[in-house]
Amino acid sequence: MPIATPEVYADMLDRAKAGSFAYPAINVSSSQTLNAALQGFADAGSDGIIQVSTGGAEYLSGPNIKNMVSGSLAFAAYAEEVAKNYPVNIALHTDHCPKDKLDGFVRPLLAASTERVKAGGNPWFQSHMWDGSAVPLDENLSLARELLDLAKQANVVLEIEVGVVGGEEDGVAHEINDKLYSTPEDAIATVQALGAGENGRYLTALTFGNVHGVYKPGNVKLRPEVLLEAQKAAAKELGLSEDARPFDLVFHGGSGSLPEEISAAVDFGVIKMNVDTDTQYAFTRPIADWMISGYAGVLKVDGEVGNKKQYDPRAWGKAGEAGMAARIVEACTALRSAGTHQ
């Protein structure tokens, strides 16, 4: 199917919220990992979200070029073509963008999408993330409102982060402390600044102990009830019933989360969960096995010529893609999106 139009993306998000499931949002940094993600979603019978970070976008432009915009547009153009061959809907998203990279990443991409929409096309990306976790909340939400206005013009959804995700991702690091938990006051401030959809649709990454990086299950202290408290506070502020779920929530830093924590987060309104560390390993692990177990063919040992079929990047690349696709099926199952494609 073609990359999701804004209307299809809106329907994807609405169905997830109504059906109490969430989409894995898979970070990619190459054509191989993109193809693996597409295959994983197709195997799971799930629509999905594929995204690039600032570092991923730089890498896609060429490791020595490091142009986030050209890398992003090249990724989007490639995805637009190859996604037609898969039987699920895929939305494209850009991941964490801090303040100092807005002018070199999100703003030019929004401008490019606005021009494309004015010409009768669809935006290059279906959503973009503004990561204001490193600035004061007032500044975070002020910039979010500015970007929300631009996103609405481009027919794009904005994702924001209210609170702090611990650990490190693409050079952005935060300590692991009490700031990892968003408060009901944060939720109220968010709806006061951005509204409840009338100013443009946005996704909200509230934090409930999330940590980027690699952790064994149980090591990260998540409190999913923080999400429910935020939903209730926002609902009361908006004059909605107590059981309303006004926020479309995003779950960041999910590595090492327990199944029951993931399930509770989805129950409380999470409709998108970022998956990066786990799929990086799932891609690399089969390649490592390929190289180690077949080293005599991969390498030109003792003056021999090796085995071209073993060191051909397509050979070990297929193994990596299969491993990553299988991990995405697991993510879709855990988030209850498997089999929900319509």
C-alpha atoms as a PDB file:
ATOM      1  CA  MET A   1       0.000   0.000   0.000  1.00  0.00           C
ATOM      2  CA  PRO A   2       1.126   3.581  -0.450  1.00  0.00           C
ATOM      3  CA  ILE A   3       2.524   5.467   2.521  1.00  0.00           C
ATOM      4  CA  ALA A   4      -0.404   6.582   4.668  1.00  0.00           C
ATOM      5  CA  THR A   5      -2.117   9.797   3.668  1.00  0.00           C
ATOM      6  CA  PRO A   6      -2.955  12.245   6.479  1.00  0.00           C
ATOM      7  CA  GLU A   7      -6.489  10.852   6.470  1.00  0.00           C
ATOM      8  CA  VAL A   8      -5.297   7.246   6.703  1.00  0.00           C
ATOM      9  CA  TYR A   9      -2.864   8.163   9.477  1.00  0.00           C
ATOM     10  CA  ALA A  10      -5.640   9.869  11.439  1.00  0.00           C
ATOM     11  CA  ASP A  11      -7.756   6.744  11.044  1.00  0.00           C
ATOM     12  CA  MET A  12      -4.847   4.570  12.210  1.00  0.00           C
ATOM     13  CA  LEU A  13      -4.490   6.633  15.386  1.00  0.00           C
ATOM     14  CA  ASP A  14      -8.239   6.719  15.988  1.00  0.00           C
ATOM     15  CA  ARG A  15      -8.556   2.947  15.604  1.00  0.00           C
ATOM     16  CA  ALA A  16      -5.675   2.343  17.993  1.00  0.00           C
ATOM     17  CA  LYS A  17      -7.269   4.534  20.625  1.00  0.00           C
ATOM     18  CA  ALA A  18     -10.738   3.037  20.177  1.00  0.00           C
ATOM     19  CA  GLY A  19      -9.385  -0.513  20.071  1.00  0.00           C
ATOM     20  CA  SER A  20      -6.929  -0.134  22.968  1.00  0.00           C
ATOM     21  CA  PHE A  21      -3.794  -1.062  21.063  1.00  0.00           C
ATOM     22  CA  ALA A  22      -0.619   0.748  20.062  1.00  0.00           C
ATOM     23  CA  TYR A  23       1.660   0.795  17.038  1.00  0.00           C
ATOM     24  CA  PRO A  24       5.352   0.042  17.344  1.00  0.00           C
ATOM     25  CA  ALA A  25       7.325   2.987  15.944  1.00  0.00           C
ATOM     26  CA  ILE A  26      10.495   1.467  14.541  1.00  0.00           C
ATOM     27  CA  ASN A  27      13.679   3.501  14.153  1.00  0.00           C
ATOM     28  CA  VAL A  28      15.604   2.779  10.955  1.00  0.00           C
ATOM     29  CA  SER A  29      18.863   4.071   9.506  1.00  0.00           C
ATOM     30  CA  SER A  30      19.235   2.256   6.195  1.00  0.00           C
ATOM     31  CA  SER A  31      17.308   0.689   3.334  1.00  0.00           C
ATOM     32  CA  GLN A  32      17.903  -2.715   4.931  1.00  0.00           C
ATOM     33  CA  THR A  33      16.397  -1.780   8.281  1.00  0.00           C
ATOM     34  CA  LEU A  34      13.520  -0.020   6.502  1.00  0.00           C
ATOM     35  CA  ASN A  35      12.773  -3.164   4.488  1.00  0.00           C
ATOM     36  CA  ALA A  36      12.994  -5.234   7.670  1.00  0.00           C
ATOM     37  CA  ALA A  37      10.443  -2.984   9.354  1.00  0.00           C
ATOM     38  CA  LEU A  38       8.070  -3.198   6.403  1.00  0.00           C
ATOM     39  CA  GLN A  39       8.327  -6.985   6.404  1.00  0.00           C
ATOM     40  CA  GLY A  40       7.794  -7.171  10.153  1.00  0.00           C
ATOM     41  CA  PHE A  41       4.588  -5.144  10.016  1.00  0.00           C
ATOM     42  CA  ALA A  42       3.331  -7.176   7.066  1.00  0.00           C
ATOM     43  CA  ASP A  43       4.095 -10.457   8.863  1.00  0.00           C
ATOM     44  CA  ALA A  44       2.201  -9.203  11.924  1.00  0.00           C
ATOM     45  CA  GLY A  45      -0.793  -7.985   9.931  1.00  0.00           C
ATOM     46  CA  SER A  46      -0.332  -4.608  11.573  1.00  0.00           C
ATOM     47  CA  ASP A  47      -0.157  -1.074  10.286  1.00  0.00           C
ATOM     48  CA  GLY A  48       2.832   0.732  11.706  1.00  0.00           C
ATOM     49  CA  ILE A  49       5.106   3.731  12.070  1.00  0.00           C
ATOM     50  CA  ILE A  50       8.667   3.890  10.764  1.00  0.00           C
ATOM     51  CA  GLN A  51      10.862   6.728  11.955  1.00  0.00           C
ATOM     52  CA  VAL A  52      14.282   8.320  11.731  1.00  0.00           C
ATOM     53  CA  SER A  53      16.158  10.142  14.472  1.00  0.00           C
ATOM     54  CA  THR A  54      18.475  13.084  13.903  1.00  0.00           C
ATOM     55  CA  GLY A  55      21.432  10.699  13.878  1.00  0.00           C
ATOM     56  CA  GLY A  56      19.633   8.263  11.595  1.00  0.00           C
ATOM     57  CA  ALA A  57      18.780  11.069   9.180  1.00  0.00           C
ATOM     58  CA  GLU A  58      22.403  12.232   9.125  1.00  0.00           C
ATOM     59  CA  TYR A  59      23.589   8.691   8.435  1.00  0.00           C
ATOM     60  CA  LEU A  60      21.082   8.236   5.619  1.00  0.00           C
ATOM     61  CA  SER A  61      22.511  11.297   3.851  1.00  0.00           C
ATOM     62  CA  GLY A  62      25.978   9.705   3.897  1.00  0.00           C
ATOM     63  CA  PRO A  63      28.210   9.236   6.963  1.00  0.00           C
ATOM     64  CA  ASN A  64      30.463  12.115   5.884  1.00  0.00           C
ATOM     65  CA  ILE A  65      27.687  14.388   4.596  1.00  0.00           C
ATOM     66  CA  LYS A  66      25.576  14.494   7.755  1.00  0.00           C
ATOM     67  CA  ASN A  67      22.667  16.473   6.320  1.00  0.00           C
ATOM     68  CA  MET A  68      19.545  15.621   8.284  1.00  0.00           C
ATOM     69  CA  VAL A  69      17.138  17.128   5.769  1.00  0.00           C
ATOM     70  CA  SER A  70      18.524  15.448   2.661  1.00  0.00           C
ATOM     71  CA  GLY A  71      18.818  12.161   4.525  1.00  0.00           C
ATOM     72  CA  SER A  72      15.198  12.423   5.675  1.00  0.00           C
ATOM     73  CA  LEU A  73      13.861  13.292   2.248  1.00  0.00           C
ATOM     74  CA  ALA A  74      15.859  10.492   0.628  1.00  0.00           C
ATOM     75  CA  PHE A  75      14.477   8.057   3.202  1.00  0.00           C
ATOM     76  CA  ALA A  76      10.908   9.278   2.637  1.00  0.00           C
ATOM     77  CA  ALA A  77      11.211   9.025  -1.144  1.00  0.00           C
ATOM     78  CA  TYR A  78      12.616   5.495  -0.944  1.00  0.00           C
ATOM     79  CA  ALA A  79       9.989   4.409   1.575  1.00  0.00           C
ATOM     80  CA  GLU A  80       7.241   5.894  -0.566  1.00  0.00           C
ATOM     81  CA  GLU A  81       8.255   3.633  -3.439  1.00  0.00           C
ATOM     82  CA  VAL A  82       9.010   0.329  -1.670  1.00  0.00           C
ATOM     83  CA  ALA A  83       6.068   0.487   0.755  1.00  0.00           C
ATOM     84  CA  LYS A  84       3.673   0.067  -2.187  1.00  0.00           C
ATOM     85  CA  ASN A  85       4.570  -3.622  -2.242  1.00  0.00           C
ATOM     86  CA  TYR A  86       3.431  -4.373   1.323  1.00  0.00           C
ATOM     87  CA  PRO A  87      -0.201  -4.962   2.374  1.00  0.00           C
ATOM     88  CA  VAL A  88      -0.246  -2.627   5.388  1.00  0.00           C
ATOM     89  CA  ASN A  89      -0.384   1.114   6.017  1.00  0.00           C
ATOM     90  CA  ILE A  90       2.864   2.773   7.066  1.00  0.00           C
ATOM     91  CA  ALA A  91       3.276   6.270   8.484  1.00  0.00           C
ATOM     92  CA  LEU A  92       6.638   8.052   8.419  1.00  0.00           C
ATOM     93  CA  HIS A  93       7.826  10.005  11.449  1.00  0.00           C
ATOM     94  CA  THR A  94      10.904  11.898  12.611  1.00  0.00           C
ATOM     95  CA  ASP A  95      12.054  11.121  16.141  1.00  0.00           C
ATOM     96  CA  HIS A  96      13.525  13.252  18.968  1.00  0.00           C
ATOM     97  CA  CYS A  97      14.484  16.734  17.775  1.00  0.00           C
ATOM     98  CA  PRO A  98      15.949  19.035  20.456  1.00  0.00           C
ATOM     99  CA  LYS A  99      15.796  22.817  20.295  1.00  0.00           C
ATOM    100  CA  ASP A 100      19.231  23.317  18.733  1.00  0.00           C
ATOM    101  CA  LYS A 101      18.322  21.092  15.775  1.00  0.00           C
ATOM    102  CA  LEU A 102      14.859  22.439  14.959  1.00  0.00           C
ATOM    103  CA  ASP A 103      16.178  24.798  12.270  1.00  0.00           C
ATOM    104  CA  GLY A 104      18.208  22.031  10.649  1.00  0.00           C
ATOM    105  CA  PHE A 105      15.628  19.260  10.858  1.00  0.00           C
ATOM    106  CA  VAL A 106      11.940  19.707  11.695  1.00  0.00           C
ATOM    107  CA  ARG A 107      11.310  23.243  10.432  1.00  0.00           C
ATOM    108  CA  PRO A 108      12.758  22.660   6.923  1.00  0.00           C
ATOM    109  CA  LEU A 109      10.943  19.335   6.657  1.00  0.00           C
ATOM    110  CA  LEU A 110       7.658  20.997   7.617  1.00  0.00           C
ATOM    111  CA  ALA A 111       8.323  23.671   4.991  1.00  0.00           C
ATOM    112  CA  ALA A 112       9.005  21.001   2.368  1.00  0.00           C
ATOM    113  CA  SER A 113       5.767  19.217   3.257  1.00  0.00           C
ATOM    114  CA  THR A 114       3.792  22.469   3.171  1.00  0.00           C
ATOM    115  CA  GLU A 115       4.999  23.167  -0.371  1.00  0.00           C
ATOM    116  CA  ARG A 116       4.176  19.610  -1.410  1.00  0.00           C
ATOM    117  CA  VAL A 117       0.668  19.852   0.064  1.00  0.00           C
ATOM    118  CA  LYS A 118       0.073  23.206  -1.655  1.00  0.00           C
ATOM    119  CA  ALA A 119       0.962  21.520  -4.944  1.00  0.00           C
ATOM    120  CA  GLY A 120      -1.695  18.874  -4.336  1.00  0.00           C
ATOM    121  CA  GLY A 121       0.464  16.129  -2.825  1.00  0.00           C
ATOM    122  CA  ASN A 122       0.840  14.563   0.580  1.00  0.00           C
ATOM    123  CA  PRO A 123       3.350  15.650   3.223  1.00  0.00           C
ATOM    124  CA  TRP A 124       6.731  13.928   3.184  1.00  0.00           C
ATOM    125  CA  PHE A 125       6.220  12.794   6.773  1.00  0.00           C
ATOM    126  CA  GLN A 126       3.000  12.103   8.625  1.00  0.00           C
ATOM    127  CA  SER A 127       4.351  13.343  11.958  1.00  0.00           C
ATOM    128  CA  HIS A 128       7.362  15.018  13.537  1.00  0.00           C
ATOM    129  CA  MET A 129       8.588  15.089  17.110  1.00  0.00           C
ATOM    130  CA  TRP A 130       9.678  18.177  19.001  1.00  0.00           C
ATOM    131  CA  ASP A 131      11.671  17.118  22.063  1.00  0.00           C
ATOM    132  CA  GLY A 132      11.451  19.969  24.541  1.00  0.00           C
ATOM    133  CA  SER A 133      12.442  17.895  27.551  1.00  0.00           C
ATOM    134  CA  ALA A 134      15.683  19.851  28.018  1.00  0.00           C
ATOM    135  CA  VAL A 135      14.013  23.291  28.279  1.00  0.00           C
ATOM    136  CA  PRO A 136      11.588  24.719  30.882  1.00  0.00           C
ATOM    137  CA  LEU A 137       7.976  23.611  30.442  1.00  0.00           C
ATOM    138  CA  ASP A 138       6.734  27.091  29.476  1.00  0.00           C
ATOM    139  CA  GLU A 139       9.298  27.318  26.681  1.00  0.00           C
ATOM    140  CA  ASN A 140       8.635  23.733  25.654  1.00  0.00           C
ATOM    141  CA  LEU A 141       4.915  24.385  25.228  1.00  0.00           C
ATOM    142  CA  SER A 142       5.419  27.786  23.594  1.00  0.00           C
ATOM    143  CA  LEU A 143       7.615  26.230  20.913  1.00  0.00           C
ATOM    144  CA  ALA A 144       5.183  23.319  20.660  1.00  0.00           C
ATOM    145  CA  ARG A 145       2.321  25.728  19.885  1.00  0.00           C
ATOM    146  CA  GLU A 146       4.404  27.438  17.194  1.00  0.00           C
ATOM    147  CA  LEU A 147       5.307  24.090  15.639  1.00  0.00           C
ATOM    148  CA  LEU A 148       1.732  22.838  15.949  1.00  0.00           C
ATOM    149  CA  ASP A 149       0.552  25.761  13.836  1.00  0.00           C
ATOM    150  CA  LEU A 150       3.161  24.930  11.174  1.00  0.00           C
ATOM    151  CA  ALA A 151       2.304  21.232  11.320  1.00  0.00           C
ATOM    152  CA  LYS A 152      -1.388  21.955  10.829  1.00  0.00           C
ATOM    153  CA  GLN A 153      -0.583  23.927   7.668  1.00  0.00           C
ATOM    154  CA  ALA A 154       1.374  20.932   6.367  1.00  0.00           C
ATOM    155  CA  ASN A 155      -1.378  18.453   7.353  1.00  0.00           C
ATOM    156  CA  VAL A 156       1.098  16.808   9.725  1.00  0.00           C
ATOM    157  CA  VAL A 157       0.730  15.554  13.310  1.00  0.00           C
ATOM    158  CA  LEU A 158       3.112  16.939  15.930  1.00  0.00           C
ATOM    159  CA  GLU A 159       4.573  14.829  18.726  1.00  0.00           C
ATOM    160  CA  ILE A 160       5.774  16.515  21.906  1.00  0.00           C
ATOM    161  CA  GLU A 161       7.494  15.340  25.066  1.00  0.00           C
ATOM    162  CA  VAL A 162       6.391  16.605  28.466  1.00  0.00           C
ATOM    163  CA  GLY A 163       8.761  15.346  31.107  1.00  0.00           C
ATOM    164  CA  VAL A 164      12.186  13.772  30.818  1.00  0.00           C
ATOM    165  CA  VAL A 165      13.204  10.359  29.488  1.00  0.00           C
ATOM    166  CA  GLY A 166      16.338   9.179  31.252  1.00  0.00           C
ATOM    167  CA  GLY A 167      19.397   7.640  29.637  1.00  0.00           C
ATOM    168  CA  GLU A 168      20.913   8.623  26.296  1.00  0.00           C
ATOM    169  CA  GLU A 169      19.769   8.690  22.686  1.00  0.00           C
ATOM    170  CA  ASP A 170      21.614  10.326  19.775  1.00  0.00           C
ATOM    171  CA  GLY A 171      23.777  12.336  22.153  1.00  0.00           C
ATOM    172  CA  VAL A 172      20.879  13.692  24.235  1.00  0.00           C
ATOM    173  CA  ALA A 173      21.309  12.457  27.817  1.00  0.00           C
ATOM    174  CA  HIS A 174      19.274  12.896  30.998  1.00  0.00           C
ATOM    175  CA  GLU A 175      19.845  11.729  34.547  1.00  0.00           C
ATOM    176  CA  ILE A 176      17.640   9.072  36.081  1.00  0.00           C
ATOM    177  CA  ASN A 177      15.743  10.867  38.865  1.00  0.00           C
ATOM    178  CA  ASP A 178      12.297  12.153  39.921  1.00  0.00           C
ATOM    179  CA  LYS A 179      12.046  14.331  36.804  1.00  0.00           C
ATOM    180  CA  LEU A 180      11.270  11.141  34.884  1.00  0.00           C
ATOM    181  CA  TYR A 181       7.655  11.329  36.064  1.00  0.00           C
ATOM    182  CA  SER A 182       5.222  13.786  34.483  1.00  0.00           C
ATOM    183  CA  THR A 183       2.723  15.398  36.847  1.00  0.00           C
ATOM    184  CA  PRO A 184      -1.005  16.160  36.550  1.00  0.00           C
ATOM    185  CA  GLU A 185       0.010  19.841  36.494  1.00  0.00           C
ATOM    186  CA  ASP A 186       2.142  19.132  33.413  1.00  0.00           C
ATOM    187  CA  ALA A 187      -0.886  17.586  31.741  1.00  0.00           C
ATOM    188  CA  ILE A 188      -3.104  20.564  32.535  1.00  0.00           C
ATOM    189  CA  ALA A 189      -0.486  23.005  31.241  1.00  0.00           C
ATOM    190  CA  THR A 190      -0.271  21.029  28.011  1.00  0.00           C
ATOM    191  CA  VAL A 191      -3.976  21.155  27.180  1.00  0.00           C
ATOM    192  CA  GLN A 192      -4.112  24.815  28.174  1.00  0.00           C
ATOM    193  CA  ALA A 193      -1.305  25.619  25.741  1.00  0.00           C
ATOM    194  CA  LEU A 194      -2.164  23.295  22.854  1.00  0.00           C
ATOM    195  CA  GLY A 195      -5.862  22.555  23.206  1.00  0.00           C
ATOM    196  CA  ALA A 196      -7.498  19.210  22.587  1.00  0.00           C
ATOM    197  CA  GLY A 197      -7.114  18.918  18.833  1.00  0.00           C
ATOM    198  CA  GLU A 198      -8.844  22.069  17.679  1.00  0.00           C
ATOM    199  CA  ASN A 199      -5.464  23.730  17.043  1.00  0.00           C
ATOM    200  CA  GLY A 200      -4.043  20.692  15.279  1.00  0.00           C
ATOM    201  CA  ARG A 201      -3.558  17.079  16.296  1.00  0.00           C
ATOM    202  CA  TYR A 202      -0.640  16.205  18.533  1.00  0.00           C
ATOM    203  CA  LEU A 203       0.748  13.141  20.258  1.00  0.00           C
ATOM    204  CA  THR A 204       2.079  13.487  23.797  1.00  0.00           C
ATOM    205  CA  ALA A 205       5.019  11.595  25.258  1.00  0.00           C
ATOM    206  CA  LEU A 206       4.374  11.865  28.980  1.00  0.00           C
ATOM    207  CA  THR A 207       7.062  10.251  31.090  1.00  0.00           C
ATOM    208  CA  PHE A 208       6.480   7.645  33.769  1.00  0.00           C
ATOM    209  CA  GLY A 209      10.001   6.467  34.557  1.00  0.00           C
ATOM    210  CA  ASN A 210      11.054   5.792  30.960  1.00  0.00           C
ATOM    211  CA  VAL A 211      14.752   5.341  30.221  1.00  0.00           C
ATOM    212  CA  HIS A 212      16.501   5.135  26.855  1.00  0.00           C
ATOM    213  CA  GLY A 213      19.108   2.423  26.456  1.00  0.00           C
ATOM    214  CA  VAL A 214      19.668  -1.224  27.293  1.00  0.00           C
ATOM    215  CA  TYR A 215      18.156  -2.675  30.464  1.00  0.00           C
ATOM    216  CA  LYS A 216      17.079  -6.089  31.673  1.00  0.00           C
ATOM    217  CA  PRO A 217      13.347  -6.521  32.416  1.00  0.00           C
ATOM    218  CA  GLY A 218      12.512  -5.113  35.832  1.00  0.00           C
ATOM    219  CA  ASN A 219      15.494  -2.751  36.067  1.00  0.00           C
ATOM    220  CA  VAL A 220      13.528   0.259  34.839  1.00  0.00           C
ATOM    221  CA  LYS A 221      11.016   1.490  37.420  1.00  0.00           C
ATOM    222  CA  LEU A 222       7.944   2.384  35.407  1.00  0.00           C
ATOM    223  CA  ARG A 223       4.767   3.797  36.949  1.00  0.00           C
ATOM    224  CA  PRO A 224       2.059   3.541  34.262  1.00  0.00           C
ATOM    225  CA  GLU A 225      -0.494   4.944  36.701  1.00  0.00           C
ATOM    226  CA  VAL A 226       1.142   8.337  36.068  1.00  0.00           C
ATOM    227  CA  LEU A 227      -0.438   8.230  32.618  1.00  0.00           C
ATOM    228  CA  LEU A 228      -3.896   7.585  34.034  1.00  0.00           C
ATOM    229  CA  GLU A 229      -3.514  10.463  36.500  1.00  0.00           C
ATOM    230  CA  ALA A 230      -2.527  12.766  33.629  1.00  0.00           C
ATOM    231  CA  GLN A 231      -5.500  11.665  31.533  1.00  0.00           C
ATOM    232  CA  LYS A 232      -7.875  12.324  34.422  1.00  0.00           C
ATOM    233  CA  ALA A 233      -6.377  15.767  35.087  1.00  0.00           C
ATOM    234  CA  ALA A 234      -6.649  16.752  31.428  1.00  0.00           C
ATOM    235  CA  ALA A 235     -10.187  15.408  31.205  1.00  0.00           C
ATOM    236  CA  LYS A 236     -11.256  17.460  34.209  1.00  0.00           C
ATOM    237  CA  GLU A 237      -9.621  20.585  32.774  1.00  0.00           C
ATOM    238  CA  LEU A 238     -11.476  20.051  29.487  1.00  0.00           C
ATOM    239  CA  GLY A 239     -14.815  19.304  31.141  1.00  0.00           C
ATOM    240  CA  LEU A 240     -14.838  15.679  29.973  1.00  0.00           C
ATOM    241  CA  SER A 241     -15.915  12.567  31.838  1.00  0.00           C
ATOM    242  CA  GLU A 242     -13.409  11.094  34.282  1.00  0.00           C
ATOM    243  CA  ASP A 243     -12.889   8.007  32.127  1.00  0.00           C
ATOM    244  CA  ALA A 244     -12.050  10.060  29.013  1.00  0.00           C
ATOM    245  CA  ARG A 245      -8.633   9.707  27.381  1.00  0.00           C
ATOM    246  CA  PRO A 246      -7.967  13.175  25.906  1.00  0.00           C
ATOM    247  CA  PHE A 247      -4.266  12.517  25.222  1.00  0.00           C
ATOM    248  CA  ASP A 248      -2.920  10.400  22.374  1.00  0.00           C
ATOM    249  CA  LEU A 249       0.048   9.071  24.314  1.00  0.00           C
ATOM    250  CA  VAL A 250       3.499   7.887  23.219  1.00  0.00           C
ATOM    251  CA  PHE A 251       5.748   5.485  25.138  1.00  0.00           C
ATOM    252  CA  HIS A 252       9.481   6.256  24.855  1.00  0.00           C
ATOM    253  CA  GLY A 253      12.370   4.307  26.359  1.00  0.00           C
ATOM    254  CA  GLY A 254      10.635   0.953  26.435  1.00  0.00           C
ATOM    255  CA  SER A 255      13.640  -1.411  26.477  1.00  0.00           C
ATOM    256  CA  GLY A 256      13.486  -3.686  29.499  1.00  0.00           C
ATOM    257  CA  SER A 257       9.808  -2.988  30.173  1.00  0.00           C
ATOM    258  CA  LEU A 258       7.751  -5.800  31.633  1.00  0.00           C
ATOM    259  CA  PRO A 259       4.774  -7.072  29.581  1.00  0.00           C
ATOM    260  CA  GLU A 260       2.319  -5.979  32.256  1.00  0.00           C
ATOM    261  CA  GLU A 261       3.787  -2.456  32.242  1.00  0.00           C
ATOM    262  CA  ILE A 262       3.408  -2.212  28.473  1.00  0.00           C
ATOM    263  CA  SER A 263      -0.160  -3.510  28.687  1.00  0.00           C
ATOM    264  CA  ALA A 264      -1.096  -1.017  31.405  1.00  0.00           C
ATOM    265  CA  ALA A 265       0.380   1.871  29.423  1.00  0.00           C
ATOM    266  CA  VAL A 266      -1.732   0.911  26.408  1.00  0.00           C
ATOM    267  CA  ASP A 267      -4.826   0.640  28.638  1.00  0.00           C
ATOM    268  CA  PHE A 268      -4.171   4.221  29.775  1.00  0.00           C
ATOM    269  CA  GLY A 269      -4.016   5.702  26.266  1.00  0.00           C
ATOM    270  CA  VAL A 270      -0.635   4.881  24.693  1.00  0.00           C
ATOM    271  CA  ILE A 271      -1.118   4.414  20.931  1.00  0.00           C
ATOM    272  CA  LYS A 272       2.534   4.635  19.800  1.00  0.00           C
ATOM    273  CA  MET A 273       5.583   2.988  21.370  1.00  0.00           C
ATOM    274  CA  ASN A 274       9.096   3.685  20.134  1.00  0.00           C
ATOM    275  CA  VAL A 275      11.234   0.591  19.545  1.00  0.00           C
ATOM    276  CA  ASP A 276      14.901   1.098  18.675  1.00  0.00           C
ATOM    277  CA  THR A 277      17.452  -0.624  20.912  1.00  0.00           C
ATOM    278  CA  ASP A 278      15.755  -4.024  20.698  1.00  0.00           C
ATOM    279  CA  THR A 279      15.449  -3.972  16.924  1.00  0.00           C
ATOM    280  CA  GLN A 280      19.043  -2.799  16.506  1.00  0.00           C
ATOM    281  CA  TYR A 281      20.161  -5.900  18.377  1.00  0.00           C
ATOM    282  CA  ALA A 282      17.691  -8.130  16.524  1.00  0.00           C
ATOM    283  CA  PHE A 283      19.195  -6.923  13.234  1.00  0.00           C
ATOM    284  CA  THR A 284      22.835  -7.230  14.301  1.00  0.00           C
ATOM    285  CA  ARG A 285      22.688 -10.540  16.185  1.00  0.00           C
ATOM    286  CA  PRO A 286      22.106 -12.791  13.124  1.00  0.00           C
ATOM    287  CA  ILE A 287      24.812 -10.896  11.244  1.00  0.00           C
ATOM    288  CA  ALA A 288      27.295 -11.547  14.051  1.00  0.00           C
ATOM    289  CA  ASP A 289      26.394 -15.231  13.950  1.00  0.00           C
ATOM    290  CA  TRP A 290      26.802 -15.240  10.158  1.00  0.00           C
ATOM    291  CA  MET A 291      30.244 -13.673  10.385  1.00  0.00           C
ATOM    292  CA  ILE A 292      31.544 -15.808  13.268  1.00  0.00           C
ATOM    293  CA  SER A 293      30.206 -19.161  12.135  1.00  0.00           C
ATOM    294  CA  GLY A 294      31.242 -18.596   8.521  1.00  0.00           C
ATOM    295  CA  TYR A 295      34.427 -16.615   9.053  1.00  0.00           C
ATOM    296  CA  ALA A 296      36.450 -18.792   6.667  1.00  0.00           C
ATOM    297  CA  GLY A 297      34.108 -17.843   3.845  1.00  0.00           C
ATOM    298  CA  VAL A 298      33.633 -14.217   4.870  1.00  0.00           C
ATOM    299  CA  LEU A 299      37.370 -13.605   5.283  1.00  0.00           C
ATOM    300  CA  LYS A 300      40.234 -14.364   2.949  1.00  0.00           C
ATOM    301  CA  VAL A 301      41.989 -16.667   5.402  1.00  0.00           C
ATOM    302  CA  ASP A 302      45.548 -17.903   4.842  1.00  0.00           C
ATOM    303  CA  GLY A 303      45.778 -16.421   1.385  1.00  0.00           C
ATOM    304  CA  GLU A 304      42.532 -17.995   0.137  1.00  0.00           C
ATOM    305  CA  VAL A 305      39.846 -16.047  -1.722  1.00  0.00           C
ATOM    306  CA  GLY A 306      36.940 -16.591   0.661  1.00  0.00           C
ATOM    307  CA  ASN A 307      33.385 -17.247  -0.479  1.00  0.00           C
ATOM    308  CA  LYS A 308      31.771 -14.345  -2.289  1.00  0.00           C
ATOM    309  CA  LYS A 309      28.308 -15.673  -1.504  1.00  0.00           C
ATOM    310  CA  GLN A 310      29.079 -15.339   2.189  1.00  0.00           C
ATOM    311  CA  TYR A 311      30.594 -11.859   2.210  1.00  0.00           C
ATOM    312  CA  ASP A 312      28.091 -10.419  -0.266  1.00  0.00           C
ATOM    313  CA  PRO A 313      26.227  -7.793   1.850  1.00  0.00           C
ATOM    314  CA  ARG A 314      22.943  -9.074   0.482  1.00  0.00           C
ATOM    315  CA  ALA A 315      23.571 -12.468   2.068  1.00  0.00           C
ATOM    316  CA  TRP A 316      24.246 -11.358   5.623  1.00  0.00           C
ATOM    317  CA  GLY A 317      21.834  -8.449   5.180  1.00  0.00           C
ATOM    318  CA  LYS A 318      18.939 -10.846   4.605  1.00  0.00           C
ATOM    319  CA  ALA A 319      19.779 -12.601   7.862  1.00  0.00           C
ATOM    320  CA  GLY A 320      19.724  -9.291   9.734  1.00  0.00           C
ATOM    321  CA  GLU A 321      16.458  -8.227   8.134  1.00  0.00           C
ATOM    322  CA  ALA A 322      14.785 -11.505   9.058  1.00  0.00           C
ATOM    323  CA  GLY A 323      15.884 -11.160  12.680  1.00  0.00           C
ATOM    324  CA  MET A 324      14.634  -7.595  12.920  1.00  0.00           C
ATOM    325  CA  ALA A 325      11.318  -8.424  11.231  1.00  0.00           C
ATOM    326  CA  ALA A 326      10.706 -11.209  13.741  1.00  0.00           C
ATOM    327  CA  ARG A 327      11.326  -8.798  16.646  1.00  0.00           C
ATOM    328  CA  ILE A 328       8.807  -6.359  15.172  1.00  0.00           C
ATOM    329  CA  VAL A 329       6.183  -9.107  15.087  1.00  0.00           C
ATOM    330  CA  GLU A 330       6.856  -9.601  18.813  1.00  0.00           C
ATOM    331  CA  ALA A 331       6.392  -5.872  19.415  1.00  0.00           C
ATOM    332  CA  CYS A 332       3.104  -5.822  17.508  1.00  0.00           C
ATOM    333  CA  THR A 333       1.872  -8.765  19.569  1.00  0.00           C
ATOM    334  CA  ALA A 334       2.858  -7.118  22.868  1.00  0.00           C
ATOM    335  CA  LEU A 335       1.159  -3.865  21.872  1.00  0.00           C
ATOM    336  CA  ARG A 336      -1.940  -5.696  20.591  1.00  0.00           C
ATOM    337  CA  SER A 337      -1.722  -4.244  17.061  1.00  0.00           C
ATOM    338  CA  ALA A 338      -1.048  -7.630  15.397  1.00  0.00           C
ATOM    339  CA  GLY A 339      -3.921  -8.547  13.106  1.00  0.00           C
ATOM    340  CA  THR A 340      -5.619  -5.140  13.343  1.00  0.00           C
ATOM    341  CA  HIS A 341      -4.889  -3.947   9.790  1.00  0.00           C
ATOM    342  CA  GLN A 342      -8.112  -3.155   7.918  1.00  0.00           C
END
